[in-house]
Amino acid sequence: MPVFFCLATLSIWAWGQDSPIPMGQPRVTLTPIKTIAVVQGQSAHLEMMFRVASGYHINSNKPSSQLLIPTALHLDLPTDISVGKLTYPEGHIQTFPFAPEEKISVYAGEFEITALVNAAQSTPRGHYRVHGQLKYQACDNRACYPPSVVPLAFDVMVAPNRTTNTMRKNPGQSPHVHQ
């Protein structure tokens, strides 16, 4: 309970204080994501690089307390495209002045989230747009701020599977056809 009390008290106090980044400005940014090329029926590796502004940290995906808001990625995927093996980095364990007795798992600086983008064998070839968001709660050494999101979007280009033989040989002719 001490983490919750400290976070709640300091969050309310912080709203009235000057913060290094003005309210409404992102404390986490995303490096643009390149188009992901995936073959029908296969997977491709997706890398998403985020940067936490200097002087801030965010809770990791697995925070050390149930009272802390985890960093979480949510994607809205087109039909026949899925994401598997979503991998978050390990958080760094730190203590802070607002909760000196608590060890908190956080991300600071740059961190990467990876995933596998899968296209079903039946996915029509072409370009697909994926939208999503990274939900996080940023804190500095004095307080935590209201939860926020980083919107994201990237393109998936589905290519045909060249190893699947779609051409069929004609069946052999019956010897009785020309008689």
Foldseek 3Di string as FASTA:
>chain_A
DLVLVLQVVLQVVVVVPDDPDDPPDDQKAKDAWAAAEAEAQGKTKGKIKMFGHPQKKWADQDKPDPSHDHKDKDKDDDPQKDKADWDWDWFDWDAAPSGNVDTIGIDHGMTMIMIIIHGHNPHDFAKDKMKIWIWIWMDGRRHIYDIDIYIHMHMYGYDYDPVDDPDDDDDDDDPPPVD
